[in-house]
Amino acid sequence: MGVVGAGILGLAVARRLAEAYPGASVTVLDKEDRIAAHQTGHNSGVAHAGLYYAPGSLKATLCRRGVGLLKDYCADRGLPYEECGKVVVARDGRELAALDGIEERAAANGVPGLRRLSAGELREIEPHAAGAAALHSPTTAIVDFPAVAAAYADDVRAAGGEVRLGFEVVRMRRAGPAGERVAVRSPREELVFDRLVVCAGLQSDRVARLAGGSAAPAIVPFRGEYLRLVPGRTDLVRGLIYPVPDPRYPFLGVHFTRRVDGGVDIGPNAVLALAREGYRRRDVRAADLWETLRWPGFRRLARRHWRTGARELYGSAVRRAFVAEARAFVPALRDADVVPAPAGVRAQAVDPDGSLVDDFRIGRLGPVVTVRNAPSPAATSSLAIAEHVVDRLKD
């Protein structure tokens, strides 16, 4: 059995395959020279409680199960897992109705310990925060996802599996008398598997097409840029401070995130990346950019939301504007309090009609299961997604 992708999700799936099929040979393939090289190694490190997701959706169901499994796993392996808590802040009365909606969704999803806060109660939890009201999720946590991914990889190897790095998948074909197997080729060799799972993140649409999948949805990469509080100002934030998100987008807006190492990041925005793996503004890959621009879904998305995109680009180009947005939630924040932090790239699936795919999207192509959209909270949900994927593979 094979898995394409050695991020946290691919490794969780491989681990689950080894559990579900004792004695089976499980091989993880990745084109990079290390595990967790992309989204897993560039995320905010938040273990989400399930506040935002539509009740009954895969995101809601798998996040709620996944966060419990993740908490237990970290405790068992001695990995950091800190329930520092999160407040979702309504800046003024105009955002109260949207905050009500988040509270209703979170309650329907079974998020524990929720509490509505007045402005005064918000300051008891986050003394430097400002807002008209807030929703407090005390079980939202922070975790070291690269360390979790490394532990998953250790589990795969301990079960007799293999993690093959430097193996770039360039071609696939059906094998066996009835096409019941799948052959996966790199530039140097070919491997044949009875079953294959594609968890290729930023390359997921391309690899799914190699397996015979359709062109849709296509991945459009959005770079999320961050700032970081200087060490002497990390006391401005105790846990996690989030805005009420814009319901038109699957992004959660600029927020304050405490990290397990004690640092605090501010961000991200969402800017079109000019390369699939474009973590810096100067990272440009013409083939990637052309593929994005000619995708009909992107053109429709751009026509519909160009004003928001221009505002995000301006905010990222001028640090002062970025800080001003964050200062709406922590008024004591100053321009001198922040330094640049590493950026991440979100693999956002977009349908041909220009809609941003919100829920996880997982499909089946004979002996192949493809994970076509798995942004946040995929890391939180990784163990539960792995269960779901392996169940699909059995069916």
Protein backbone atom coordinates (compact mmCIF):
# COMPACT_ATOMS: atom_id res chain seq x y z
CA MET A 1 0.00 0.00 0.00
CA GLY A 2 1.24 3.47 -0.84
CA VAL A 3 0.70 7.08 0.22
CA VAL A 4 1.83 10.10 -1.79
CA GLY A 5 2.76 12.94 0.55
CA ALA A 6 4.82 12.96 3.75
CA GLY A 7 3.02 15.83 5.45
CA ILE A 8 1.07 15.29 8.64
CA LEU A 9 -1.98 13.97 6.78
CA GLY A 10 -0.13 11.50 4.54
CA LEU A 11 1.81 10.18 7.51
CA ALA A 12 -1.38 9.84 9.59
CA VAL A 13 -2.98 7.87 6.75
CA ALA A 14 0.06 5.60 6.44
CA ARG A 15 0.00 5.01 10.18
CA ARG A 16 -3.68 4.09 10.03
CA LEU A 17 -3.10 1.76 7.07
CA ALA A 18 -0.47 -0.09 9.08
CA GLU A 19 -2.98 -0.45 11.93
CA ALA A 20 -5.88 -1.53 9.71
CA TYR A 21 -3.86 -4.00 7.63
CA PRO A 22 -1.41 -5.75 9.99
CA GLY A 23 1.48 -7.22 8.10
CA ALA A 24 0.86 -5.13 4.97
CA SER A 25 3.77 -3.22 3.46
CA VAL A 26 3.11 0.54 3.65
CA THR A 27 5.28 3.03 1.76
CA VAL A 28 5.07 6.83 1.94
CA LEU A 29 6.46 8.76 -1.05
CA ASP A 30 7.50 12.43 -1.07
CA LYS A 31 9.50 14.51 -3.50
CA GLU A 32 11.24 16.51 -0.74
CA ASP A 33 14.29 15.47 1.29
CA ARG A 34 12.43 15.79 4.61
CA ILE A 35 8.96 15.19 6.00
CA ALA A 36 6.52 18.03 6.78
CA ALA A 37 8.29 20.31 4.30
CA HIS A 38 5.31 22.41 3.27
CA GLN A 39 1.93 23.11 4.91
CA THR A 40 2.68 21.00 8.00
CA GLY A 41 5.92 22.85 8.64
CA HIS A 42 4.52 26.32 7.94
CA ASN A 43 1.26 26.49 9.89
CA SER A 44 0.18 28.34 13.02
CA GLY A 45 0.26 25.32 15.32
CA VAL A 46 -3.36 25.64 16.50
CA ALA A 47 -5.38 22.56 17.46
CA HIS A 48 -8.87 23.77 16.58
CA ALA A 49 -11.92 22.93 18.70
CA GLY A 50 -14.44 23.07 15.82
CA LEU A 51 -16.08 26.49 16.19
CA TYR A 52 -16.62 27.57 12.61
CA TYR A 53 -17.58 24.53 10.57
CA ALA A 54 -21.03 23.73 9.25
CA PRO A 55 -22.66 21.08 11.49
CA GLY A 56 -22.62 17.71 9.77
CA SER A 57 -19.78 18.65 7.41
CA LEU A 58 -16.60 16.60 7.23
CA LYS A 59 -14.69 19.48 8.76
CA ALA A 60 -17.03 19.63 11.77
CA THR A 61 -17.23 15.87 12.29
CA LEU A 62 -13.56 15.07 11.74
CA CYS A 63 -12.25 18.10 13.63
CA ARG A 64 -14.22 17.21 16.75
CA ARG A 65 -13.09 13.59 16.66
CA GLY A 66 -9.60 14.49 15.52
CA VAL A 67 -8.83 17.01 18.25
CA GLY A 68 -9.64 14.43 20.91
CA LEU A 69 -7.45 11.83 19.24
CA LEU A 70 -4.66 14.37 18.83
CA LYS A 71 -4.79 15.41 22.50
CA ASP A 72 -4.55 11.80 23.62
CA TYR A 73 -1.75 11.07 21.14
CA CYS A 74 0.33 14.02 22.33
CA ALA A 75 -0.15 12.96 25.95
CA ASP A 76 0.90 9.42 25.11
CA ARG A 77 4.02 10.53 23.22
CA GLY A 78 5.03 13.37 25.53
CA LEU A 79 4.50 16.01 22.84
CA PRO A 80 3.53 19.60 23.71
CA TYR A 81 -0.22 20.23 23.80
CA GLU A 82 -1.34 23.37 25.64
CA GLU A 83 -4.99 24.33 26.00
CA CYS A 84 -4.27 28.05 26.14
CA GLY A 85 -7.79 28.94 24.98
CA LYS A 86 -9.11 31.21 22.28
CA VAL A 87 -11.33 34.28 22.12
CA VAL A 88 -13.23 35.25 18.96
CA VAL A 89 -13.74 38.99 19.27
CA ALA A 90 -16.55 41.14 17.85
CA ARG A 91 -15.08 44.62 17.49
CA ASP A 92 -18.43 46.41 17.58
CA GLY A 93 -22.17 45.86 17.47
CA ARG A 94 -22.15 45.23 13.72
CA GLU A 95 -20.31 41.93 14.28
CA LEU A 96 -22.52 40.61 17.07
CA ALA A 97 -24.91 38.76 14.75
CA ALA A 98 -22.00 36.96 13.10
CA LEU A 99 -20.62 36.08 16.54
CA ASP A 100 -24.03 34.64 17.41
CA GLY A 101 -23.79 32.45 14.31
CA ILE A 102 -20.37 31.13 15.32
CA GLU A 103 -21.65 30.36 18.81
CA GLU A 104 -24.61 28.44 17.38
CA ARG A 105 -22.37 26.41 15.06
CA ALA A 106 -19.87 25.67 17.82
CA ALA A 107 -22.62 24.51 20.16
CA ALA A 108 -24.12 22.31 17.44
CA ASN A 109 -20.69 20.78 16.88
CA GLY A 110 -20.34 19.93 20.57
CA VAL A 111 -17.44 22.28 21.34
CA PRO A 112 -17.01 22.08 25.14
CA GLY A 113 -16.80 24.93 27.63
CA LEU A 114 -18.03 27.74 25.38
CA ARG A 115 -18.75 31.02 27.13
CA ARG A 116 -20.01 34.35 25.82
CA LEU A 117 -17.99 37.26 27.18
CA SER A 118 -18.79 40.90 27.71
CA ALA A 119 -16.11 43.52 27.03
CA GLY A 120 -15.12 43.42 30.71
CA GLU A 121 -15.02 39.62 30.85
CA LEU A 122 -12.86 39.59 27.72
CA ARG A 123 -10.27 41.74 29.50
CA GLU A 124 -10.21 39.27 32.41
CA ILE A 125 -8.99 36.59 30.00
CA GLU A 126 -6.95 38.80 27.66
CA PRO A 127 -6.11 42.01 29.57
CA HIS A 128 -4.84 43.85 26.48
CA ALA A 129 -7.69 42.87 24.14
CA ALA A 130 -10.54 45.18 23.13
CA GLY A 131 -13.97 44.42 21.70
CA ALA A 132 -17.69 44.73 22.21
CA ALA A 133 -18.07 41.03 23.04
CA ALA A 134 -16.29 37.71 22.51
CA LEU A 135 -16.75 33.96 22.47
CA HIS A 136 -14.31 31.98 24.61
CA SER A 137 -13.23 28.46 23.70
CA PRO A 138 -11.07 27.26 26.60
CA THR A 139 -10.10 23.94 24.98
CA THR A 140 -8.59 25.39 21.80
CA ALA A 141 -4.93 24.43 22.04
CA ILE A 142 -1.49 24.93 20.55
CA VAL A 143 0.75 22.09 19.43
CA ASP A 144 3.98 21.39 17.52
CA PHE A 145 2.66 19.83 14.31
CA PRO A 146 6.08 19.06 12.77
CA ALA A 147 6.88 17.09 15.95
CA VAL A 148 3.56 15.25 15.66
CA ALA A 149 4.32 14.43 12.01
CA ALA A 150 7.75 13.09 13.01
CA ALA A 151 6.08 10.86 15.61
CA TYR A 152 3.63 9.56 12.98
CA ALA A 153 6.59 8.75 10.72
CA ASP A 154 8.25 6.86 13.57
CA ASP A 155 5.02 4.86 14.01
CA VAL A 156 5.00 3.95 10.31
CA ARG A 157 8.60 2.74 10.46
CA ALA A 158 7.99 0.86 13.72
CA ALA A 159 5.16 -1.03 11.99
CA GLY A 160 7.55 -2.10 9.22
CA GLY A 161 6.64 0.66 6.77
CA GLU A 162 8.96 2.92 4.81
CA VAL A 163 9.13 6.68 4.21
CA ARG A 164 10.76 7.23 0.80
CA LEU A 165 12.00 10.81 0.41
CA GLY A 166 13.25 12.29 -2.85
CA PHE A 167 10.64 10.28 -4.78
CA GLU A 168 8.79 12.67 -7.11
CA VAL A 169 5.70 11.14 -8.67
CA VAL A 170 5.67 11.97 -12.38
CA ARG A 171 3.36 9.30 -13.80
CA MET A 172 0.75 6.75 -12.78
CA ARG A 173 -0.90 3.87 -14.61
CA ARG A 174 -3.24 1.04 -13.77
CA ALA A 175 -1.57 -2.33 -13.35
CA GLY A 176 -2.74 -5.91 -12.88
CA PRO A 177 -4.97 -8.04 -15.11
CA ALA A 178 -8.06 -5.93 -14.43
CA GLY A 179 -6.40 -2.64 -13.56
CA GLU A 180 -6.93 -3.35 -9.88
CA ARG A 181 -3.47 -2.07 -8.92
CA VAL A 182 -1.67 1.22 -9.55
CA ALA A 183 1.90 1.78 -10.72
CA VAL A 184 3.63 4.96 -9.54
CA ARG A 185 6.71 6.19 -11.36
CA SER A 186 9.45 8.64 -10.43
CA PRO A 187 12.12 9.77 -12.91
CA ARG A 188 14.22 6.76 -11.79
CA GLU A 189 11.95 3.85 -10.83
CA GLU A 190 8.44 2.46 -10.69
CA LEU A 191 6.57 0.99 -7.71
CA VAL A 192 3.30 -0.95 -7.84
CA PHE A 193 0.67 -0.80 -5.08
CA ASP A 194 -2.59 -2.60 -4.38
CA ARG A 195 -4.01 0.61 -2.90
CA LEU A 196 -2.81 4.21 -3.03
CA VAL A 197 -3.82 7.38 -1.14
CA VAL A 198 -2.93 10.82 -2.51
CA CYS A 199 -2.30 13.42 0.22
CA ALA A 200 -0.14 15.75 -1.83
CA GLY A 201 -1.18 19.13 -0.40
CA LEU A 202 -0.10 21.92 -2.72
CA GLN A 203 0.33 19.39 -5.53
CA SER A 204 -2.85 17.40 -4.79
CA ASP A 205 -4.76 18.35 -7.96
CA ARG A 206 -1.79 17.52 -10.18
CA VAL A 207 -1.19 14.13 -8.59
CA ALA A 208 -4.93 13.37 -8.64
CA ARG A 209 -4.95 14.03 -12.39
CA LEU A 210 -2.07 11.59 -12.82
CA ALA A 211 -4.30 9.01 -11.10
CA GLY A 212 -7.09 9.68 -13.61
CA GLY A 213 -9.00 12.33 -11.67
CA SER A 214 -10.73 15.34 -13.19
CA ALA A 215 -9.24 18.81 -13.47
CA ALA A 216 -11.58 20.15 -10.79
CA PRO A 217 -11.10 21.37 -8.23
CA ALA A 218 -7.77 23.05 -8.93
CA ILE A 219 -5.38 24.25 -6.25
CA VAL A 220 -4.83 27.99 -6.05
CA PRO A 221 -1.96 28.78 -3.65
CA PHE A 222 -2.47 31.63 -1.18
CA ARG A 223 0.53 32.84 0.76
CA GLY A 224 -0.21 33.78 4.37
CA GLU A 225 2.28 36.29 5.74
CA TYR A 226 2.96 36.73 9.46
CA LEU A 227 4.54 39.16 11.86
CA ARG A 228 5.96 38.13 15.24
CA LEU A 229 5.95 39.98 18.55
CA VAL A 230 9.43 40.85 19.79
CA PRO A 231 10.35 38.91 22.97
CA GLY A 232 9.75 41.84 25.30
CA ARG A 233 6.12 42.26 24.14
CA THR A 234 4.79 38.70 24.11
CA ASP A 235 2.91 39.50 27.34
CA LEU A 236 0.37 41.39 25.22
CA VAL A 237 -1.29 38.05 24.45
CA ARG A 238 -2.00 35.14 26.80
CA GLY A 239 -3.57 32.70 24.33
CA LEU A 240 -5.27 33.07 20.95
CA ILE A 241 -7.16 36.20 19.82
CA TYR A 242 -9.20 35.86 16.61
CA PRO A 243 -11.53 38.22 14.75
CA VAL A 244 -15.03 37.37 13.61
CA PRO A 245 -14.22 35.95 10.14
CA ASP A 246 -15.70 37.15 6.87
CA PRO A 247 -18.27 34.45 6.00
CA ARG A 248 -17.49 34.80 2.27
CA TYR A 249 -14.04 33.23 2.70
CA PRO A 250 -12.62 30.10 4.38
CA PHE A 251 -9.82 32.23 5.87
CA LEU A 252 -10.05 33.31 9.52
CA GLY A 253 -8.50 36.77 9.22
CA VAL A 254 -5.50 38.33 10.95
CA HIS A 255 -5.20 36.96 14.49
CA PHE A 256 -2.79 36.58 17.40
CA THR A 257 -1.40 33.08 17.94
CA ARG A 258 0.71 32.01 20.88
CA ARG A 259 3.22 29.30 19.95
CA VAL A 260 4.43 26.37 22.05
CA ASP A 261 7.89 28.01 22.27
CA GLY A 262 6.37 31.08 23.95
CA GLY A 263 6.42 33.35 20.91
CA VAL A 264 3.37 35.11 19.47
CA ASP A 265 2.62 35.43 15.74
CA ILE A 266 0.24 37.89 14.09
CA GLY A 267 -1.44 36.98 10.81
CA PRO A 268 -1.98 35.68 8.28
CA ASN A 269 -3.32 37.67 5.40
CA ALA A 270 -4.14 35.84 2.16
CA VAL A 271 -2.23 36.85 -0.98
CA LEU A 272 -2.02 34.93 -4.24
CA ALA A 273 1.31 33.10 -4.26
CA LEU A 274 3.22 33.31 -7.55
CA ALA A 275 4.47 29.73 -7.11
CA ARG A 276 2.85 26.63 -5.63
CA GLU A 277 5.55 26.63 -2.97
CA GLY A 278 6.15 30.38 -2.96
CA TYR A 279 6.91 31.22 0.66
CA ARG A 280 8.68 34.48 -0.24
CA ARG A 281 7.38 37.33 -2.40
CA ARG A 282 10.31 36.87 -4.74
CA ASP A 283 9.42 33.20 -5.32
CA VAL A 284 7.96 33.15 -8.83
CA ARG A 285 7.48 30.09 -11.03
CA ALA A 286 6.05 30.97 -14.41
CA ALA A 287 4.49 27.53 -15.03
CA ASP A 288 2.68 27.60 -11.67
CA LEU A 289 1.43 31.15 -12.19
CA TRP A 290 0.23 30.41 -15.72
CA GLU A 291 -1.63 27.34 -14.52
CA THR A 292 -3.40 29.44 -11.88
CA LEU A 293 -4.27 32.30 -14.24
CA ARG A 294 -5.74 30.05 -16.93
CA TRP A 295 -7.93 28.09 -14.51
CA PRO A 296 -11.50 29.33 -15.19
CA GLY A 297 -12.36 29.11 -11.51
CA PHE A 298 -9.56 31.51 -10.58
CA ARG A 299 -10.62 34.06 -13.19
CA ARG A 300 -14.19 33.99 -11.87
CA LEU A 301 -12.92 34.21 -8.29
CA ALA A 302 -10.70 37.19 -9.14
CA ARG A 303 -13.52 39.09 -10.89
CA ARG A 304 -15.78 38.53 -7.89
CA HIS A 305 -13.32 39.43 -5.13
CA TRP A 306 -10.61 41.63 -6.65
CA ARG A 307 -11.22 44.49 -4.21
CA THR A 308 -10.61 42.24 -1.22
CA GLY A 309 -7.51 40.80 -2.89
CA ALA A 310 -6.11 44.28 -3.56
CA ARG A 311 -6.69 45.26 0.07
CA GLU A 312 -4.88 42.12 1.29
CA LEU A 313 -1.96 42.85 -1.03
CA TYR A 314 -1.71 46.43 0.22
CA GLY A 315 -1.84 45.26 3.82
CA SER A 316 0.97 42.78 3.24
CA ALA A 317 3.15 45.30 1.39
CA VAL A 318 2.94 47.94 4.10
CA ARG A 319 3.68 46.59 7.55
CA ARG A 320 2.08 49.55 9.23
CA ALA A 321 -1.28 48.74 7.64
CA PHE A 322 -0.95 45.13 8.78
CA VAL A 323 -0.25 46.26 12.36
CA ALA A 324 -3.17 48.69 12.24
CA GLU A 325 -5.54 45.83 11.49
CA ALA A 326 -4.18 43.82 14.41
CA ARG A 327 -4.27 46.87 16.69
CA ALA A 328 -8.06 46.89 16.42
CA PHE A 329 -7.99 43.88 18.78
CA VAL A 330 -4.92 44.77 20.89
CA PRO A 331 -4.74 48.59 21.03
CA ALA A 332 -1.41 48.62 22.88
CA LEU A 333 0.34 47.08 19.86
CA ARG A 334 2.99 49.37 18.34
CA ASP A 335 4.82 49.25 15.03
CA ALA A 336 8.09 48.62 16.88
CA ASP A 337 6.63 45.56 18.63
CA VAL A 338 6.80 43.30 15.58
CA VAL A 339 9.33 41.70 13.26
CA PRO A 340 8.72 39.61 10.11
CA ALA A 341 8.00 35.90 10.61
CA PRO A 342 8.07 32.98 8.15
CA ALA A 343 5.11 32.73 5.77
CA GLY A 344 3.00 29.73 4.84
CA VAL A 345 1.14 28.74 1.68
CA ARG A 346 -2.41 27.42 1.84
CA ALA A 347 -3.45 24.85 -0.78
CA GLN A 348 -6.92 26.24 -1.49
CA ALA A 349 -9.09 24.24 -3.88
CA VAL A 350 -11.25 26.29 -6.27
CA ASP A 351 -14.12 24.93 -8.32
CA PRO A 352 -14.67 25.91 -11.98
CA ASP A 353 -17.44 28.34 -11.00
CA GLY A 354 -14.99 30.34 -8.90
CA SER A 355 -16.20 29.14 -5.52
CA LEU A 356 -13.65 28.38 -2.83
CA VAL A 357 -14.05 24.78 -1.70
CA ASP A 358 -14.76 24.97 2.01
CA ASP A 359 -15.16 21.38 3.20
CA PHE A 360 -12.64 18.58 2.97
CA ARG A 361 -13.02 16.90 -0.42
CA ILE A 362 -12.03 13.23 -0.65
CA GLY A 363 -12.70 11.01 -3.66
CA ARG A 364 -12.17 7.47 -4.90
CA LEU A 365 -10.73 6.37 -8.26
CA GLY A 366 -10.63 2.56 -8.23
CA PRO A 367 -7.63 1.57 -6.10
CA VAL A 368 -6.80 5.24 -5.42
CA VAL A 369 -8.27 7.61 -2.81
CA THR A 370 -7.55 11.29 -3.48
CA VAL A 371 -7.61 14.05 -0.88
CA ARG A 372 -8.37 17.06 -3.09
CA ASN A 373 -8.97 19.72 -0.42
CA ALA A 374 -7.61 19.52 3.12
CA PRO A 375 -6.74 22.96 4.51
CA SER A 376 -7.17 23.90 8.17
CA PRO A 377 -8.27 22.12 10.36
CA ALA A 378 -6.65 19.17 8.55
CA ALA A 379 -3.65 19.01 10.90
CA THR A 380 -5.95 19.02 13.93
CA SER A 381 -8.14 16.39 12.24
CA SER A 382 -5.31 14.26 10.85
CA LEU A 383 -5.97 11.08 12.85
CA ALA A 384 -9.72 11.27 12.19
CA ILE A 385 -9.20 12.01 8.48
CA ALA A 386 -6.92 8.97 8.35
CA GLU A 387 -9.70 6.80 9.76
CA HIS A 388 -12.15 8.22 7.21
CA VAL A 389 -9.78 7.73 4.28
CA VAL A 390 -8.93 4.15 5.19
CA ASP A 391 -12.63 3.38 5.57
CA ARG A 392 -13.16 4.76 2.05
CA LEU A 393 -10.33 2.57 0.80
CA LYS A 394 -11.92 -0.52 2.37
CA ASP A 395 -15.30 0.29 0.81
